[in-house]
């Protein structure tokens, strides 16, 4: 009766918890690049970057991350790189880009920074990224200094 139900429930919770622990210890391969103070300038000086500025404590950010990963995978090798910055930890980056809310999404293209104001769906991120790349081609290369 009750006992087995309780046991099953408990097991499920434990299994989930251990899965989460494994997940954080060794991240699954991701098409989203984690940027921080050390690599931000070096990596973003080449190519076009679509960056998710997030905070670990922000519930909405957590919910969006799988969507962001999905969009990043879809746009792999497209000419725009999907990235994320823990802006809560990387305060210099946060101040530089004047991040005031989480999550904030911006395209960084050389010295050019473009705000993303669309909705938080994978296909919206992808569409925006594709349109950005197309416009960039029309303008002949975009924001290289």
N, C-alpha and C. Protein backbone atom coordinates (compact mmCIF):
# COMPACT_ATOMS: atom_id res chain seq x y z
N UNK A 1 0.82 -1.21 0.00
CA UNK A 1 0.00 0.00 0.00
C UNK A 1 0.85 1.26 0.00
N UNK A 2 0.69 2.05 1.08
CA UNK A 2 1.35 3.36 1.15
C UNK A 2 2.88 3.25 1.07
N UNK A 3 3.42 2.25 1.75
CA UNK A 3 4.87 2.14 1.84
C UNK A 3 5.54 2.16 0.45
N UNK A 4 5.05 1.29 -0.43
CA UNK A 4 5.72 1.17 -1.73
C UNK A 4 5.64 2.48 -2.49
N UNK A 5 4.47 3.12 -2.39
CA UNK A 5 4.33 4.39 -3.12
C UNK A 5 5.37 5.39 -2.61
N UNK A 6 5.48 5.48 -1.30
CA UNK A 6 6.46 6.39 -0.71
C UNK A 6 7.85 6.04 -1.18
N UNK A 7 8.16 4.75 -1.19
CA UNK A 7 9.50 4.31 -1.58
C UNK A 7 9.82 4.69 -3.01
N UNK A 8 8.87 4.48 -3.89
CA UNK A 8 9.09 4.80 -5.30
C UNK A 8 9.34 6.30 -5.46
N UNK A 9 8.54 7.07 -4.78
CA UNK A 9 8.66 8.52 -4.86
C UNK A 9 10.05 8.95 -4.41
N UNK A 10 10.48 8.43 -3.30
CA UNK A 10 11.76 8.78 -2.72
C UNK A 10 12.88 8.43 -3.69
N UNK A 11 12.79 7.24 -4.25
CA UNK A 11 13.82 6.79 -5.19
C UNK A 11 13.92 7.74 -6.37
N UNK A 12 12.76 8.12 -6.88
CA UNK A 12 12.75 9.01 -8.04
C UNK A 12 13.46 10.32 -7.71
N UNK A 13 13.18 10.84 -6.53
CA UNK A 13 13.78 12.10 -6.12
C UNK A 13 15.30 11.94 -6.00
N UNK A 14 15.72 10.84 -5.39
CA UNK A 14 17.16 10.60 -5.23
C UNK A 14 17.83 10.46 -6.60
N UNK A 15 17.19 9.73 -7.49
CA UNK A 15 17.76 9.53 -8.82
C UNK A 15 17.93 10.89 -9.52
N UNK A 16 16.92 11.73 -9.41
CA UNK A 16 16.99 13.05 -10.03
C UNK A 16 18.13 13.87 -9.44
N UNK A 17 18.24 13.83 -8.13
CA UNK A 17 19.27 14.61 -7.45
C UNK A 17 20.65 14.16 -7.91
N UNK A 18 20.85 12.84 -8.01
CA UNK A 18 22.18 12.36 -8.39
C UNK A 18 22.45 12.69 -9.86
N UNK A 19 21.41 12.68 -10.67
CA UNK A 19 21.56 13.07 -12.07
C UNK A 19 22.04 14.51 -12.17
N UNK A 20 21.43 15.35 -11.37
CA UNK A 20 21.79 16.77 -11.38
C UNK A 20 23.25 16.93 -10.96
N UNK A 21 23.66 16.17 -9.96
CA UNK A 21 25.04 16.26 -9.48
C UNK A 21 26.01 15.84 -10.58
N UNK A 22 25.68 14.76 -11.25
CA UNK A 22 26.52 14.29 -12.35
C UNK A 22 26.58 15.36 -13.43
N UNK A 23 25.43 15.95 -13.73
CA UNK A 23 25.35 16.98 -14.76
C UNK A 23 26.28 18.13 -14.48
N UNK A 24 26.38 18.56 -13.23
CA UNK A 24 27.20 19.73 -12.96
C UNK A 24 28.67 19.35 -12.90
N UNK A 25 28.98 18.12 -12.53
CA UNK A 25 30.38 17.70 -12.43
C UNK A 25 30.99 17.62 -13.83
N UNK A 26 30.28 16.94 -14.72
CA UNK A 26 30.80 16.84 -16.10
C UNK A 26 29.68 17.25 -17.04
N UNK A 27 29.80 18.47 -17.53
CA UNK A 27 28.72 19.00 -18.37
C UNK A 27 28.63 18.21 -19.67
N UNK A 28 27.43 17.96 -20.13
CA UNK A 28 27.29 17.33 -21.44
C UNK A 28 27.85 18.29 -22.49
N UNK A 29 28.36 17.76 -23.60
CA UNK A 29 28.89 18.66 -24.62
C UNK A 29 27.81 19.65 -25.04
N UNK A 30 28.19 20.90 -25.12
CA UNK A 30 27.21 21.93 -25.40
C UNK A 30 27.69 22.77 -26.57
N UNK A 31 26.75 23.28 -27.35
CA UNK A 31 27.12 24.17 -28.44
C UNK A 31 27.07 25.62 -28.00
N UNK A 32 26.83 25.82 -26.70
CA UNK A 32 26.84 27.17 -26.14
C UNK A 32 28.15 27.36 -25.38
N UNK A 33 28.88 28.41 -25.74
CA UNK A 33 30.18 28.66 -25.14
C UNK A 33 30.01 29.45 -23.84
N UNK A 34 30.68 29.00 -22.79
CA UNK A 34 30.66 29.73 -21.52
C UNK A 34 31.76 30.79 -21.55
N UNK A 35 31.34 32.06 -21.49
CA UNK A 35 32.32 33.15 -21.52
C UNK A 35 32.52 33.71 -20.11
N UNK A 36 33.75 34.13 -19.81
CA UNK A 36 34.03 34.79 -18.53
C UNK A 36 35.11 35.85 -18.74
N UNK A 37 35.53 36.49 -17.65
CA UNK A 37 36.53 37.57 -17.75
C UNK A 37 37.76 37.12 -18.55
N UNK A 38 38.16 35.86 -18.35
CA UNK A 38 39.42 35.38 -18.92
C UNK A 38 39.36 35.21 -20.43
N UNK A 39 38.23 34.73 -20.93
CA UNK A 39 38.20 34.42 -22.37
C UNK A 39 37.31 35.36 -23.19
N UNK A 40 36.57 36.24 -22.52
CA UNK A 40 35.56 37.04 -23.23
C UNK A 40 36.16 37.84 -24.39
N UNK A 41 37.16 38.66 -24.10
CA UNK A 41 37.71 39.54 -25.13
C UNK A 41 38.41 38.73 -26.23
N UNK A 42 39.14 37.73 -25.80
CA UNK A 42 39.89 36.92 -26.76
C UNK A 42 38.94 36.25 -27.76
N UNK A 43 37.87 35.65 -27.24
CA UNK A 43 36.96 34.90 -28.11
C UNK A 43 36.06 35.81 -28.93
N UNK A 44 35.54 36.88 -28.30
CA UNK A 44 34.54 37.69 -29.01
C UNK A 44 35.16 38.64 -30.03
N UNK A 45 36.50 38.73 -30.07
CA UNK A 45 37.06 39.63 -31.10
C UNK A 45 36.97 39.00 -32.48
N UNK A 46 36.65 37.72 -32.54
CA UNK A 46 36.46 37.08 -33.84
C UNK A 46 35.04 36.58 -33.99
N UNK A 47 34.44 36.94 -35.11
CA UNK A 47 33.13 36.40 -35.43
C UNK A 47 31.98 37.12 -34.73
N UNK A 48 30.81 36.54 -34.87
CA UNK A 48 29.58 37.12 -34.31
C UNK A 48 29.14 36.26 -33.14
N UNK A 49 28.77 36.90 -32.06
CA UNK A 49 28.38 36.18 -30.84
C UNK A 49 26.98 36.61 -30.40
N UNK A 50 26.17 35.62 -30.07
CA UNK A 50 24.83 35.88 -29.52
C UNK A 50 24.91 35.42 -28.07
N UNK A 51 24.83 36.37 -27.15
CA UNK A 51 25.18 36.07 -25.76
C UNK A 51 23.99 36.22 -24.82
N UNK A 52 23.85 35.22 -23.98
CA UNK A 52 22.82 35.18 -22.94
C UNK A 52 23.49 35.58 -21.63
N UNK A 53 23.16 36.76 -21.12
CA UNK A 53 23.67 37.21 -19.83
C UNK A 53 22.67 36.77 -18.76
N UNK A 54 23.10 35.88 -17.89
CA UNK A 54 22.16 35.28 -16.94
C UNK A 54 22.70 35.33 -15.52
N UNK A 55 21.86 34.94 -14.57
CA UNK A 55 22.30 34.77 -13.19
C UNK A 55 21.82 33.40 -12.71
N UNK A 56 22.67 32.68 -11.97
CA UNK A 56 22.31 31.33 -11.54
C UNK A 56 21.06 31.29 -10.65
N UNK A 57 20.81 32.38 -9.94
CA UNK A 57 19.67 32.38 -9.01
C UNK A 57 18.36 32.77 -9.68
N UNK A 58 18.44 33.11 -10.96
CA UNK A 58 17.25 33.58 -11.66
C UNK A 58 16.48 32.40 -12.27
N UNK A 59 15.28 32.16 -11.76
CA UNK A 59 14.48 31.02 -12.19
C UNK A 59 14.16 31.05 -13.68
N UNK A 60 13.85 32.25 -14.17
CA UNK A 60 13.50 32.38 -15.58
C UNK A 60 14.71 32.01 -16.46
N UNK A 61 15.91 32.41 -16.01
CA UNK A 61 17.14 32.07 -16.74
C UNK A 61 17.31 30.56 -16.83
N UNK A 62 17.06 29.90 -15.70
CA UNK A 62 17.20 28.44 -15.66
C UNK A 62 16.26 27.78 -16.65
N UNK A 63 15.03 28.30 -16.72
CA UNK A 63 14.05 27.70 -17.62
C UNK A 63 14.43 27.93 -19.08
N UNK A 64 15.05 29.08 -19.36
CA UNK A 64 15.39 29.42 -20.74
C UNK A 64 16.63 28.68 -21.22
N UNK A 65 17.52 28.30 -20.30
CA UNK A 65 18.82 27.74 -20.71
C UNK A 65 18.69 26.55 -21.69
N UNK A 66 17.79 25.59 -21.43
CA UNK A 66 17.67 24.49 -22.41
C UNK A 66 17.20 24.98 -23.78
N UNK A 67 16.37 26.01 -23.78
CA UNK A 67 15.89 26.61 -25.02
C UNK A 67 17.07 27.26 -25.76
N UNK A 68 17.90 27.95 -25.00
CA UNK A 68 19.09 28.61 -25.54
C UNK A 68 20.05 27.57 -26.11
N UNK A 69 20.24 26.47 -25.37
CA UNK A 69 21.10 25.38 -25.84
C UNK A 69 20.59 24.83 -27.16
N UNK A 70 19.27 24.65 -27.23
CA UNK A 70 18.65 24.09 -28.44
C UNK A 70 18.90 25.02 -29.63
N UNK A 71 18.71 26.31 -29.42
CA UNK A 71 18.94 27.29 -30.49
C UNK A 71 20.41 27.28 -30.89
N UNK A 72 21.29 27.18 -29.90
CA UNK A 72 22.73 27.16 -30.17
C UNK A 72 23.12 25.96 -31.01
N UNK A 73 22.51 24.81 -30.71
CA UNK A 73 22.79 23.60 -31.47
C UNK A 73 22.31 23.75 -32.90
N UNK A 74 21.13 24.34 -33.03
CA UNK A 74 20.55 24.52 -34.36
C UNK A 74 21.42 25.44 -35.22
N UNK A 75 22.04 26.41 -34.57
CA UNK A 75 22.83 27.42 -35.32
C UNK A 75 24.32 27.09 -35.33
N UNK A 76 24.66 25.89 -34.94
CA UNK A 76 26.05 25.46 -34.92
C UNK A 76 26.66 25.63 -36.31
N UNK A 77 27.89 26.12 -36.37
CA UNK A 77 28.61 26.30 -37.65
C UNK A 77 27.88 27.21 -38.64
N UNK A 78 27.04 28.10 -38.14
CA UNK A 78 26.26 28.96 -39.04
C UNK A 78 26.97 30.29 -39.25
N UNK A 79 27.96 30.57 -38.43
CA UNK A 79 28.61 31.87 -38.51
C UNK A 79 28.25 32.76 -37.33
N UNK A 80 27.37 32.28 -36.47
CA UNK A 80 27.08 33.02 -35.24
C UNK A 80 27.22 32.05 -34.08
N UNK A 81 27.96 32.46 -33.06
CA UNK A 81 28.20 31.55 -31.94
C UNK A 81 27.30 31.92 -30.78
N UNK A 82 26.64 30.93 -30.21
CA UNK A 82 25.80 31.15 -29.03
C UNK A 82 26.66 31.00 -27.79
N UNK A 83 26.49 31.92 -26.86
CA UNK A 83 27.30 31.89 -25.65
C UNK A 83 26.46 32.30 -24.46
N UNK A 84 27.03 32.09 -23.27
CA UNK A 84 26.36 32.55 -22.05
C UNK A 84 27.40 33.11 -21.10
N UNK A 85 26.98 34.09 -20.34
CA UNK A 85 27.84 34.71 -19.34
C UNK A 85 27.08 34.73 -18.02
N UNK A 86 27.68 34.17 -16.99
CA UNK A 86 27.12 34.31 -15.64
C UNK A 86 27.44 35.73 -15.19
N UNK A 87 26.53 36.64 -15.53
CA UNK A 87 26.80 38.07 -15.31
C UNK A 87 26.85 38.40 -13.82
N UNK A 88 26.26 37.54 -13.02
CA UNK A 88 26.29 37.72 -11.58
C UNK A 88 27.72 37.55 -11.06
N UNK A 89 28.45 36.63 -11.66
CA UNK A 89 29.84 36.38 -11.25
C UNK A 89 30.80 37.31 -11.99
N UNK A 90 30.50 37.55 -13.26
CA UNK A 90 31.41 38.35 -14.10
C UNK A 90 30.96 39.81 -14.08
N UNK A 91 31.22 40.48 -12.96
CA UNK A 91 30.65 41.82 -12.77
C UNK A 91 31.23 42.84 -13.75
N UNK A 92 32.49 42.66 -14.15
CA UNK A 92 33.08 43.61 -15.11
C UNK A 92 32.33 43.57 -16.43
N UNK A 93 32.04 42.35 -16.88
CA UNK A 93 31.30 42.19 -18.14
C UNK A 93 29.90 42.77 -17.98
N UNK A 94 29.29 42.49 -16.84
CA UNK A 94 27.94 42.98 -16.57
C UNK A 94 27.91 44.50 -16.66
N UNK A 95 28.89 45.16 -16.05
CA UNK A 95 28.91 46.63 -16.05
C UNK A 95 29.22 47.17 -17.44
N UNK A 96 30.11 46.48 -18.13
CA UNK A 96 30.48 46.93 -19.46
C UNK A 96 29.28 46.93 -20.41
N UNK A 97 28.45 45.91 -20.29
CA UNK A 97 27.28 45.81 -21.18
C UNK A 97 26.01 46.36 -20.52
N UNK A 98 26.20 46.97 -19.34
CA UNK A 98 25.08 47.61 -18.63
C UNK A 98 23.88 46.67 -18.49
N UNK A 99 24.17 45.47 -18.00
CA UNK A 99 23.10 44.48 -17.82
C UNK A 99 22.30 44.85 -16.57
N UNK A 100 20.99 45.07 -16.76
CA UNK A 100 20.17 45.46 -15.62
C UNK A 100 19.10 44.45 -15.26
N UNK A 101 18.90 43.49 -16.14
CA UNK A 101 17.90 42.47 -15.86
C UNK A 101 18.39 41.13 -16.41
N UNK A 102 17.93 40.08 -15.82
CA UNK A 102 18.29 38.74 -16.30
C UNK A 102 17.04 38.01 -16.79
N UNK A 103 17.13 37.22 -17.85
CA UNK A 103 18.28 37.19 -18.75
C UNK A 103 18.23 38.35 -19.74
N UNK A 104 19.40 38.80 -20.18
CA UNK A 104 19.51 39.79 -21.25
C UNK A 104 20.27 39.15 -22.39
N UNK A 105 19.80 39.36 -23.60
CA UNK A 105 20.43 38.76 -24.78
C UNK A 105 20.95 39.85 -25.69
N UNK A 106 22.21 39.71 -26.12
CA UNK A 106 22.81 40.70 -27.01
C UNK A 106 23.66 40.00 -28.07
N UNK A 107 23.68 40.60 -29.26
CA UNK A 107 24.63 40.16 -30.28
C UNK A 107 25.87 41.05 -30.15
N UNK A 108 27.03 40.41 -30.06
CA UNK A 108 28.29 41.15 -30.01
C UNK A 108 29.05 40.80 -31.29
N UNK A 109 29.32 41.84 -32.08
CA UNK A 109 29.92 41.67 -33.39
C UNK A 109 31.05 42.68 -33.51
N UNK A 110 32.26 42.28 -33.16
CA UNK A 110 33.36 43.25 -33.11
C UNK A 110 33.03 44.29 -32.06
N UNK A 111 32.97 45.54 -32.49
CA UNK A 111 32.64 46.61 -31.54
C UNK A 111 31.16 46.91 -31.49
N UNK A 112 30.42 46.23 -32.34
CA UNK A 112 28.99 46.50 -32.44
C UNK A 112 28.23 45.62 -31.45
N UNK A 113 27.29 46.21 -30.74
CA UNK A 113 26.45 45.44 -29.83
C UNK A 113 24.99 45.71 -30.17
N UNK A 114 24.25 44.64 -30.38
CA UNK A 114 22.84 44.76 -30.76
C UNK A 114 21.98 44.06 -29.72
N UNK A 115 20.98 44.76 -29.21
CA UNK A 115 20.07 44.16 -28.22
C UNK A 115 19.06 43.26 -28.89
N UNK A 116 18.81 42.14 -28.26
CA UNK A 116 17.72 41.25 -28.71
C UNK A 116 16.50 41.55 -27.86
N UNK A 117 15.37 41.83 -28.52
CA UNK A 117 14.17 42.18 -27.76
C UNK A 117 13.02 41.22 -28.05
N UNK A 118 13.32 40.13 -28.73
CA UNK A 118 12.25 39.20 -29.09
C UNK A 118 11.85 38.30 -27.93
N UNK A 119 11.00 37.33 -28.21
CA UNK A 119 10.58 36.44 -27.13
C UNK A 119 11.59 35.32 -26.94
N UNK A 120 11.39 34.57 -25.87
CA UNK A 120 12.39 33.60 -25.44
C UNK A 120 12.06 32.19 -25.93
N UNK A 121 11.89 32.06 -27.25
CA UNK A 121 11.63 30.75 -27.86
C UNK A 121 12.84 30.41 -28.73
N UNK A 122 13.14 29.12 -28.83
CA UNK A 122 14.29 28.70 -29.63
C UNK A 122 14.18 29.23 -31.06
N UNK A 123 12.99 29.11 -31.67
CA UNK A 123 12.89 29.52 -33.08
C UNK A 123 13.01 31.05 -33.24
N UNK A 124 12.63 31.79 -32.21
CA UNK A 124 12.79 33.25 -32.27
C UNK A 124 14.27 33.63 -32.20
N UNK A 125 15.01 32.97 -31.32
CA UNK A 125 16.45 33.21 -31.22
C UNK A 125 17.12 32.88 -32.56
N UNK A 126 16.74 31.73 -33.11
CA UNK A 126 17.34 31.27 -34.37
C UNK A 126 17.03 32.23 -35.51
N UNK A 127 15.76 32.64 -35.59
CA UNK A 127 15.34 33.55 -36.66
C UNK A 127 16.13 34.87 -36.57
N UNK A 128 16.23 35.39 -35.35
CA UNK A 128 16.96 36.65 -35.14
C UNK A 128 18.42 36.50 -35.58
N UNK A 129 19.02 35.38 -35.20
CA UNK A 129 20.43 35.12 -35.53
C UNK A 129 20.62 35.05 -37.04
N UNK A 130 19.72 34.34 -37.71
CA UNK A 130 19.81 34.20 -39.16
C UNK A 130 19.64 35.55 -39.85
N UNK A 131 18.66 36.31 -39.39
CA UNK A 131 18.42 37.63 -39.99
C UNK A 131 19.62 38.54 -39.78
N UNK A 132 20.21 38.44 -38.59
CA UNK A 132 21.37 39.27 -38.31
C UNK A 132 22.50 38.95 -39.29
N UNK A 133 22.74 37.66 -39.49
CA UNK A 133 23.81 37.24 -40.39
C UNK A 133 23.54 37.69 -41.82
N UNK A 134 22.28 37.59 -42.24
CA UNK A 134 21.93 38.01 -43.61
C UNK A 134 22.17 39.50 -43.81
N UNK A 135 21.72 40.29 -42.84
CA UNK A 135 21.91 41.75 -42.92
C UNK A 135 23.38 42.10 -42.93
N UNK A 136 24.13 41.36 -42.15
CA UNK A 136 25.56 41.60 -42.04
C UNK A 136 26.24 41.37 -43.39
N UNK A 137 25.82 40.30 -44.06
CA UNK A 137 26.38 39.99 -45.39
C UNK A 137 26.08 41.13 -46.36
N UNK A 138 24.83 41.61 -46.31
CA UNK A 138 24.42 42.70 -47.22
C UNK A 138 25.27 43.94 -46.98
N UNK A 139 25.62 44.16 -45.72
CA UNK A 139 26.39 45.37 -45.39
C UNK A 139 27.86 45.15 -45.65
N UNK A 140 28.23 43.95 -46.06
CA UNK A 140 29.61 43.71 -46.42
C UNK A 140 30.50 43.52 -45.22
N UNK A 141 30.12 42.54 -44.37
CA UNK A 141 31.09 42.11 -43.37
C UNK A 141 30.84 42.59 -41.96
N UNK A 142 30.06 43.66 -41.77
CA UNK A 142 29.68 44.00 -40.41
C UNK A 142 30.72 44.75 -39.63
N UNK A 143 30.83 44.43 -38.35
CA UNK A 143 31.49 45.33 -37.41
C UNK A 143 32.98 45.16 -37.21
N UNK A 144 33.73 44.68 -38.20
CA UNK A 144 35.18 44.54 -37.96
C UNK A 144 35.82 45.92 -37.98
N UNK A 145 36.71 46.11 -37.05
CA UNK A 145 37.40 47.40 -36.98
C UNK A 145 38.61 47.36 -37.92
